[in-house]
Amino acid sequence: MFVAYSPELDVSSCGKTPVEARQNLHEAVEIFLEETSKMGTLNDILEESGFVKEKFNHKIRWQPPKIISTGKERLTV
């Protein structure tokens, strides 16, 4: 089992292969963004997650926070 994770949004998914895990994550992020937009909480969630609004070509777009480090942890349960 493989896990794909988006730390910027704290969304994850899994799959039997790395490709499937990434595809499932993409779908999970799409659903997350659609649902939070419908609920009217998308802007609040993005701001709380460290995203910053910037003007670009007369449009507003969200810039993700910069990730400075990643790592893996192994746990014995």
PDB file of N, CA and C in Angstrom:
ATOM      1  N   MET A   1       0.847  -1.174   0.000  1.00  0.00           N
ATOM      2  CA  MET A   1       0.000   0.000   0.000  1.00  0.00           C
ATOM      3  C   MET A   1       0.895   1.241   0.000  1.00  0.00           C
ATOM      4  N   PHE A   2       0.540   2.210  -0.828  1.00  0.00           N
ATOM      5  CA  PHE A   2       1.282   3.467  -0.937  1.00  0.00           C
ATOM      6  C   PHE A   2       0.374   4.624  -0.543  1.00  0.00           C
ATOM      7  N   VAL A   3       0.959   5.629   0.098  1.00  0.00           N
ATOM      8  CA  VAL A   3       0.212   6.804   0.539  1.00  0.00           C
ATOM      9  C   VAL A   3       0.761   8.031  -0.171  1.00  0.00           C
ATOM     10  N   ALA A   4      -0.142   8.850  -0.698  1.00  0.00           N
ATOM     11  CA  ALA A   4       0.223  10.146  -1.272  1.00  0.00           C
ATOM     12  C   ALA A   4      -0.396  11.210  -0.375  1.00  0.00           C
ATOM     13  N   TYR A   5       0.370  12.278  -0.129  1.00  0.00           N
ATOM     14  CA  TYR A   5      -0.055  13.275   0.854  1.00  0.00           C
ATOM     15  C   TYR A   5       0.208  14.682   0.335  1.00  0.00           C
ATOM     16  N   SER A   6      -0.741  15.556   0.540  1.00  0.00           N
ATOM     17  CA  SER A   6      -0.588  16.978   0.236  1.00  0.00           C
ATOM     18  C   SER A   6      -0.493  17.728   1.557  1.00  0.00           C
ATOM     19  N   PRO A   7       0.732  18.041   2.009  1.00  0.00           N
ATOM     20  CA  PRO A   7       0.872  18.712   3.310  1.00  0.00           C
ATOM     21  C   PRO A   7       0.246  20.103   3.326  1.00  0.00           C
ATOM     22  N   GLU A   8       0.220  20.778   2.171  1.00  0.00           N
ATOM     23  CA  GLU A   8      -0.356  22.122   2.125  1.00  0.00           C
ATOM     24  C   GLU A   8      -1.821  22.121   2.535  1.00  0.00           C
ATOM     25  N   LEU A   9      -2.540  21.071   2.173  1.00  0.00           N
ATOM     26  CA  LEU A   9      -3.972  20.983   2.481  1.00  0.00           C
ATOM     27  C   LEU A   9      -4.286  19.935   3.544  1.00  0.00           C
ATOM     28  N   ASP A  10      -3.284  19.188   3.966  1.00  0.00           N
ATOM     29  CA  ASP A  10      -3.455  18.103   4.927  1.00  0.00           C
ATOM     30  C   ASP A  10      -4.466  17.081   4.417  1.00  0.00           C
ATOM     31  N   VAL A  11      -4.314  16.706   3.147  1.00  0.00           N
ATOM     32  CA  VAL A  11      -5.180  15.718   2.501  1.00  0.00           C
ATOM     33  C   VAL A  11      -4.299  14.564   2.053  1.00  0.00           C
ATOM     34  N   SER A  12      -4.763  13.350   2.251  1.00  0.00           N
ATOM     35  CA  SER A  12      -3.997  12.188   1.808  1.00  0.00           C
ATOM     36  C   SER A  12      -4.923  11.159   1.190  1.00  0.00           C
ATOM     37  N   SER A  13      -4.314  10.227   0.466  1.00  0.00           N
ATOM     38  CA  SER A  13      -5.048   9.107  -0.103  1.00  0.00           C
ATOM     39  C   SER A  13      -4.051   7.970  -0.281  1.00  0.00           C
ATOM     40  N   CYS A  14      -4.537   6.829  -0.716  1.00  0.00           N
ATOM     41  CA  CYS A  14      -3.643   5.685  -0.867  1.00  0.00           C
ATOM     42  C   CYS A  14      -4.018   4.891  -2.111  1.00  0.00           C
ATOM     43  N   GLY A  15      -3.142   3.962  -2.463  1.00  0.00           N
ATOM     44  CA  GLY A  15      -3.387   3.096  -3.602  1.00  0.00           C
ATOM     45  C   GLY A  15      -2.437   1.916  -3.561  1.00  0.00           C
ATOM     46  N   LYS A  16      -2.701   0.955  -4.429  1.00  0.00           N
ATOM     47  CA  LYS A  16      -1.872  -0.252  -4.474  1.00  0.00           C
ATOM     48  C   LYS A  16      -0.530   0.002  -5.152  1.00  0.00           C
ATOM     49  N   THR A  17      -0.442   1.078  -5.940  1.00  0.00           N
ATOM     50  CA  THR A  17       0.806   1.459  -6.600  1.00  0.00           C
ATOM     51  C   THR A  17       1.035   2.954  -6.347  1.00  0.00           C
ATOM     52  N   PRO A  18       2.269   3.439  -6.535  1.00  0.00           N
ATOM     53  CA  PRO A  18       2.501   4.879  -6.380  1.00  0.00           C
ATOM     54  C   PRO A  18       1.634   5.714  -7.329  1.00  0.00           C
ATOM     55  N   VAL A  19       1.466   5.250  -8.550  1.00  0.00           N
ATOM     56  CA  VAL A  19       0.645   5.980  -9.525  1.00  0.00           C
ATOM     57  C   VAL A  19      -0.806   6.047  -9.062  1.00  0.00           C
ATOM     58  N   GLU A  20      -1.334   4.923  -8.602  1.00  0.00           N
ATOM     59  CA  GLU A  20      -2.717   4.903  -8.116  1.00  0.00           C
ATOM     60  C   GLU A  20      -2.882   5.809  -6.895  1.00  0.00           C
ATOM     61  N   ALA A  21      -1.907   5.820  -6.003  1.00  0.00           N
ATOM     62  CA  ALA A  21      -1.983   6.687  -4.823  1.00  0.00           C
ATOM     63  C   ALA A  21      -2.006   8.155  -5.241  1.00  0.00           C
ATOM     64  N   ARG A  22      -1.173   8.541  -6.212  1.00  0.00           N
ATOM     65  CA  ARG A  22      -1.163   9.929  -6.694  1.00  0.00           C
ATOM     66  C   ARG A  22      -2.480  10.282  -7.380  1.00  0.00           C
ATOM     67  N   GLN A  23      -3.016   9.368  -8.180  1.00  0.00           N
ATOM     68  CA  GLN A  23      -4.297   9.614  -8.847  1.00  0.00           C
ATOM     69  C   GLN A  23      -5.410   9.787  -7.815  1.00  0.00           C
ATOM     70  N   ASN A  24      -5.412   8.941  -6.806  1.00  0.00           N
ATOM     71  CA  ASN A  24      -6.427   9.035  -5.756  1.00  0.00           C
ATOM     72  C   ASN A  24      -6.278  10.326  -4.955  1.00  0.00           C
ATOM     73  N   LEU A  25      -5.036  10.759  -4.730  1.00  0.00           N
ATOM     74  CA  LEU A  25      -4.820  12.031  -4.040  1.00  0.00           C
ATOM     75  C   LEU A  25      -5.355  13.180  -4.878  1.00  0.00           C
ATOM     76  N   HIS A  26      -5.091  13.162  -6.163  1.00  0.00           N
ATOM     77  CA  HIS A  26      -5.588  14.220  -7.047  1.00  0.00           C
ATOM     78  C   HIS A  26      -7.110  14.318  -6.947  1.00  0.00           C
ATOM     79  N   GLU A  27      -7.774  13.173  -6.976  1.00  0.00           N
ATOM     80  CA  GLU A  27      -9.234  13.144  -6.858  1.00  0.00           C
ATOM     81  C   GLU A  27      -9.680  13.656  -5.485  1.00  0.00           C
ATOM     82  N   ALA A  28      -8.992  13.252  -4.433  1.00  0.00           N
ATOM     83  CA  ALA A  28      -9.350  13.686  -3.079  1.00  0.00           C
ATOM     84  C   ALA A  28      -9.196  15.197  -2.927  1.00  0.00           C
ATOM     85  N   VAL A  29      -8.133  15.764  -3.510  1.00  0.00           N
ATOM     86  CA  VAL A  29      -7.924  17.211  -3.432  1.00  0.00           C
ATOM     87  C   VAL A  29      -9.013  17.940  -4.211  1.00  0.00           C
ATOM     88  N   GLU A  30      -9.363  17.431  -5.395  1.00  0.00           N
ATOM     89  CA  GLU A  30     -10.445  18.045  -6.172  1.00  0.00           C
ATOM     90  C   GLU A  30     -11.748  18.067  -5.373  1.00  0.00           C
ATOM     91  N   ILE A  31     -12.084  16.947  -4.764  1.00  0.00           N
ATOM     92  CA  ILE A  31     -13.309  16.859  -3.971  1.00  0.00           C
ATOM     93  C   ILE A  31     -13.246  17.812  -2.778  1.00  0.00           C
ATOM     94  N   PHE A  32     -12.100  17.848  -2.103  1.00  0.00           N
ATOM     95  CA  PHE A  32     -11.910  18.741  -0.963  1.00  0.00           C
ATOM     96  C   PHE A  32     -12.144  20.192  -1.374  1.00  0.00           C
ATOM     97  N   LEU A  33     -11.529  20.610  -2.480  1.00  0.00           N
ATOM     98  CA  LEU A  33     -11.667  21.997  -2.936  1.00  0.00           C
ATOM     99  C   LEU A  33     -13.103  22.304  -3.367  1.00  0.00           C
ATOM    100  N   GLU A  34     -13.744  21.380  -4.074  1.00  0.00           N
ATOM    101  CA  GLU A  34     -15.134  21.578  -4.506  1.00  0.00           C
ATOM    102  C   GLU A  34     -16.073  21.708  -3.310  1.00  0.00           C
ATOM    103  N   GLU A  35     -15.922  20.822  -2.356  1.00  0.00           N
ATOM    104  CA  GLU A  35     -16.835  20.825  -1.205  1.00  0.00           C
ATOM    105  C   GLU A  35     -16.626  22.040  -0.303  1.00  0.00           C
ATOM    106  N   THR A  36     -15.369  22.416  -0.061  1.00  0.00           N
ATOM    107  CA  THR A  36     -15.149  23.588   0.786  1.00  0.00           C
ATOM    108  C   THR A  36     -15.603  24.862   0.072  1.00  0.00           C
ATOM    109  N   SER A  37     -15.505  24.867  -1.248  1.00  0.00           N
ATOM    110  CA  SER A  37     -16.000  26.007  -2.013  1.00  0.00           C
ATOM    111  C   SER A  37     -17.523  26.093  -1.893  1.00  0.00           C
ATOM    112  N   LYS A  38     -18.210  24.967  -2.024  1.00  0.00           N
ATOM    113  CA  LYS A  38     -19.678  24.930  -1.883  1.00  0.00           C
ATOM    114  C   LYS A  38     -20.120  25.397  -0.495  1.00  0.00           C
ATOM    115  N   MET A  39     -19.334  25.031   0.521  1.00  0.00           N
ATOM    116  CA  MET A  39     -19.682  25.387   1.899  1.00  0.00           C
ATOM    117  C   MET A  39     -19.291  26.827   2.235  1.00  0.00           C
ATOM    118  N   GLY A  40     -18.530  27.464   1.344  1.00  0.00           N
ATOM    119  CA  GLY A  40     -18.111  28.838   1.588  1.00  0.00           C
ATOM    120  C   GLY A  40     -16.940  28.972   2.543  1.00  0.00           C
ATOM    121  N   THR A  41     -16.206  27.892   2.754  1.00  0.00           N
ATOM    122  CA  THR A  41     -15.088  27.925   3.707  1.00  0.00           C
ATOM    123  C   THR A  41     -13.717  27.812   3.039  1.00  0.00           C
ATOM    124  N   LEU A  42     -13.683  27.757   1.712  1.00  0.00           N
ATOM    125  CA  LEU A  42     -12.415  27.532   1.005  1.00  0.00           C
ATOM    126  C   LEU A  42     -11.380  28.611   1.323  1.00  0.00           C
ATOM    127  N   ASN A  43     -11.764  29.881   1.228  1.00  0.00           N
ATOM    128  CA  ASN A  43     -10.796  30.958   1.503  1.00  0.00           C
ATOM    129  C   ASN A  43     -10.250  30.870   2.920  1.00  0.00           C
ATOM    130  N   ASP A  44     -11.113  30.621   3.890  1.00  0.00           N
ATOM    131  CA  ASP A  44     -10.659  30.506   5.278  1.00  0.00           C
ATOM    132  C   ASP A  44      -9.671  29.352   5.448  1.00  0.00           C
ATOM    133  N   ILE A  45      -9.986  28.220   4.839  1.00  0.00           N
ATOM    134  CA  ILE A  45      -9.119  27.042   4.960  1.00  0.00           C
ATOM    135  C   ILE A  45      -7.769  27.306   4.310  1.00  0.00           C
ATOM    136  N   LEU A  46      -7.781  27.924   3.129  1.00  0.00           N
ATOM    137  CA  LEU A  46      -6.514  28.223   2.459  1.00  0.00           C
ATOM    138  C   LEU A  46      -5.667  29.183   3.293  1.00  0.00           C
ATOM    139  N   GLU A  47      -6.289  30.223   3.858  1.00  0.00           N
ATOM    140  CA  GLU A  47      -5.549  31.165   4.705  1.00  0.00           C
ATOM    141  C   GLU A  47      -4.982  30.473   5.942  1.00  0.00           C
ATOM    142  N   GLU A  48      -5.777  29.622   6.585  1.00  0.00           N
ATOM    143  CA  GLU A  48      -5.306  28.895   7.766  1.00  0.00           C
ATOM    144  C   GLU A  48      -4.174  27.937   7.429  1.00  0.00           C
ATOM    145  N   SER A  49      -4.146  27.474   6.176  1.00  0.00           N
ATOM    146  CA  SER A  49      -3.114  26.532   5.735  1.00  0.00           C
ATOM    147  C   SER A  49      -1.852  27.230   5.253  1.00  0.00           C
ATOM    148  N   GLY A  50      -1.838  28.561   5.308  1.00  0.00           N
ATOM    149  CA  GLY A  50      -0.638  29.296   4.939  1.00  0.00           C
ATOM    150  C   GLY A  50      -0.593  29.787   3.504  1.00  0.00           C
ATOM    151  N   PHE A  51      -1.665  29.599   2.736  1.00  0.00           N
ATOM    152  CA  PHE A  51      -1.710  30.108   1.373  1.00  0.00           C
ATOM    153  C   PHE A  51      -1.847  31.623   1.415  1.00  0.00           C
ATOM    154  N   VAL A  52      -1.314  32.294   0.387  1.00  0.00           N
ATOM    155  CA  VAL A  52      -1.354  33.751   0.320  1.00  0.00           C
ATOM    156  C   VAL A  52      -1.969  34.160  -1.013  1.00  0.00           C
ATOM    157  N   LYS A  53      -2.909  35.118  -0.961  1.00  0.00           N
ATOM    158  CA  LYS A  53      -3.526  35.642  -2.182  1.00  0.00           C
ATOM    159  C   LYS A  53      -2.551  36.594  -2.855  1.00  0.00           C
ATOM    160  N   GLU A  54      -2.390  36.433  -4.171  1.00  0.00           N
ATOM    161  CA  GLU A  54      -1.561  37.349  -4.945  1.00  0.00           C
ATOM    162  C   GLU A  54      -2.284  37.719  -6.226  1.00  0.00           C
ATOM    163  N   LYS A  55      -2.085  38.961  -6.672  1.00  0.00           N
ATOM    164  CA  LYS A  55      -2.637  39.380  -7.956  1.00  0.00           C
ATOM    165  C   LYS A  55      -1.678  38.958  -9.053  1.00  0.00           C
ATOM    166  N   PHE A  56      -2.216  38.380 -10.118  1.00  0.00           N
ATOM    167  CA  PHE A  56      -1.411  37.947 -11.249  1.00  0.00           C
ATOM    168  C   PHE A  56      -2.238  38.161 -12.505  1.00  0.00           C
ATOM    169  N   ASN A  57      -1.769  39.031 -13.391  1.00  0.00           N
ATOM    170  CA  ASN A  57      -2.503  39.346 -14.626  1.00  0.00           C
ATOM    171  C   ASN A  57      -3.954  39.728 -14.355  1.00  0.00           C
ATOM    172  N   HIS A  58      -4.150  40.608 -13.395  1.00  0.00           N
ATOM    173  CA  HIS A  58      -5.472  41.124 -13.030  1.00  0.00           C
ATOM    174  C   HIS A  58      -6.391  40.063 -12.424  1.00  0.00           C
ATOM    175  N   LYS A  59      -5.835  38.947 -12.014  1.00  0.00           N
ATOM    176  CA  LYS A  59      -6.611  37.887 -11.367  1.00  0.00           C
ATOM    177  C   LYS A  59      -5.997  37.595 -10.013  1.00  0.00           C
ATOM    178  N   ILE A  60      -6.832  37.145  -9.097  1.00  0.00           N
ATOM    179  CA  ILE A  60      -6.344  36.720  -7.784  1.00  0.00           C
ATOM    180  C   ILE A  60      -6.051  35.222  -7.849  1.00  0.00           C
ATOM    181  N   ARG A  61      -4.883  34.836  -7.376  1.00  0.00           N
ATOM    182  CA  ARG A  61      -4.584  33.402  -7.280  1.00  0.00           C
ATOM    183  C   ARG A  61      -3.909  33.140  -5.944  1.00  0.00           C
ATOM    184  N   TRP A  62      -4.047  31.926  -5.483  1.00  0.00           N
ATOM    185  CA  TRP A  62      -3.497  31.523  -4.194  1.00  0.00           C
ATOM    186  C   TRP A  62      -2.125  30.892  -4.395  1.00  0.00           C
ATOM    187  N   GLN A  63      -1.158  31.345  -3.612  1.00  0.00           N
ATOM    188  CA  GLN A  63       0.187  30.774  -3.626  1.00  0.00           C
ATOM    189  C   GLN A  63       0.338  29.888  -2.391  1.00  0.00           C
ATOM    190  N   PRO A  64       0.793  28.650  -2.583  1.00  0.00           N
ATOM    191  CA  PRO A  64       0.946  27.750  -1.430  1.00  0.00           C
ATOM    192  C   PRO A  64       2.119  28.155  -0.554  1.00  0.00           C
ATOM    193  N   PRO A  65       2.096  27.712   0.693  1.00  0.00           N
ATOM    194  CA  PRO A  65       3.239  27.976   1.565  1.00  0.00           C
ATOM    195  C   PRO A  65       4.457  27.200   1.067  1.00  0.00           C
ATOM    196  N   LYS A  66       5.630  27.687   1.397  1.00  0.00           N
ATOM    197  CA  LYS A  66       6.854  26.996   1.001  1.00  0.00           C
ATOM    198  C   LYS A  66       7.156  25.881   2.007  1.00  0.00           C
ATOM    199  N   ILE A  67       7.347  24.692   1.496  1.00  0.00           N
ATOM    200  CA  ILE A  67       7.719  23.558   2.344  1.00  0.00           C
ATOM    201  C   ILE A  67       9.239  23.526   2.410  1.00  0.00           C
ATOM    202  N   ILE A  68       9.770  23.573   3.605  1.00  0.00           N
ATOM    203  CA  ILE A  68      11.223  23.649   3.744  1.00  0.00           C
ATOM    204  C   ILE A  68      11.881  22.295   4.011  1.00  0.00           C
ATOM    205  N   SER A  69      11.070  21.292   4.343  1.00  0.00           N
ATOM    206  CA  SER A  69      11.654  19.987   4.626  1.00  0.00           C
ATOM    207  C   SER A  69      10.564  18.914   4.547  1.00  0.00           C
ATOM    208  N   THR A  70      10.942  17.747   4.131  1.00  0.00           N
ATOM    209  CA  THR A  70      10.054  16.583   4.172  1.00  0.00           C
ATOM    210  C   THR A  70      10.835  15.408   4.745  1.00  0.00           C
ATOM    211  N   GLY A  71      10.121  14.442   5.240  1.00  0.00           N
ATOM    212  CA  GLY A  71      10.801  13.270   5.786  1.00  0.00           C
ATOM    213  C   GLY A  71       9.819  12.148   6.026  1.00  0.00           C
ATOM    214  N   LYS A  72      10.356  11.006   6.346  1.00  0.00           N
ATOM    215  CA  LYS A  72       9.544   9.831   6.650  1.00  0.00           C
ATOM    216  C   LYS A  72       9.819   9.417   8.075  1.00  0.00           C
ATOM    217  N   GLU A  73       8.797   8.939   8.710  1.00  0.00           N
ATOM    218  CA  GLU A  73       8.934   8.397  10.061  1.00  0.00           C
ATOM    219  C   GLU A  73       8.428   6.960  10.053  1.00  0.00           C
ATOM    220  N   ARG A  74       9.135   6.097  10.676  1.00  0.00           N
ATOM    221  CA  ARG A  74       8.681   4.690  10.805  1.00  0.00           C
ATOM    222  C   ARG A  74       8.255   4.469  12.239  1.00  0.00           C
ATOM    223  N   LEU A  75       7.108   3.867  12.379  1.00  0.00           N
ATOM    224  CA  LEU A  75       6.564   3.585  13.709  1.00  0.00           C
ATOM    225  C   LEU A  75       6.399   2.084  13.879  1.00  0.00           C
ATOM    226  N   THR A  76       6.731   1.602  15.016  1.00  0.00           N
ATOM    227  CA  THR A  76       6.472   0.213  15.361  1.00  0.00           C
ATOM    228  C   THR A  76       5.268   0.177  16.274  1.00  0.00           C
ATOM    229  N   VAL A  77       4.266  -0.560  15.867  1.00  0.00           N
ATOM    230  CA  VAL A  77       3.025  -0.610  16.653  1.00  0.00           C
ATOM    231  C   VAL A  77       2.832  -2.013  17.162  1.00  0.00           C
TER     232      VAL A  77
END
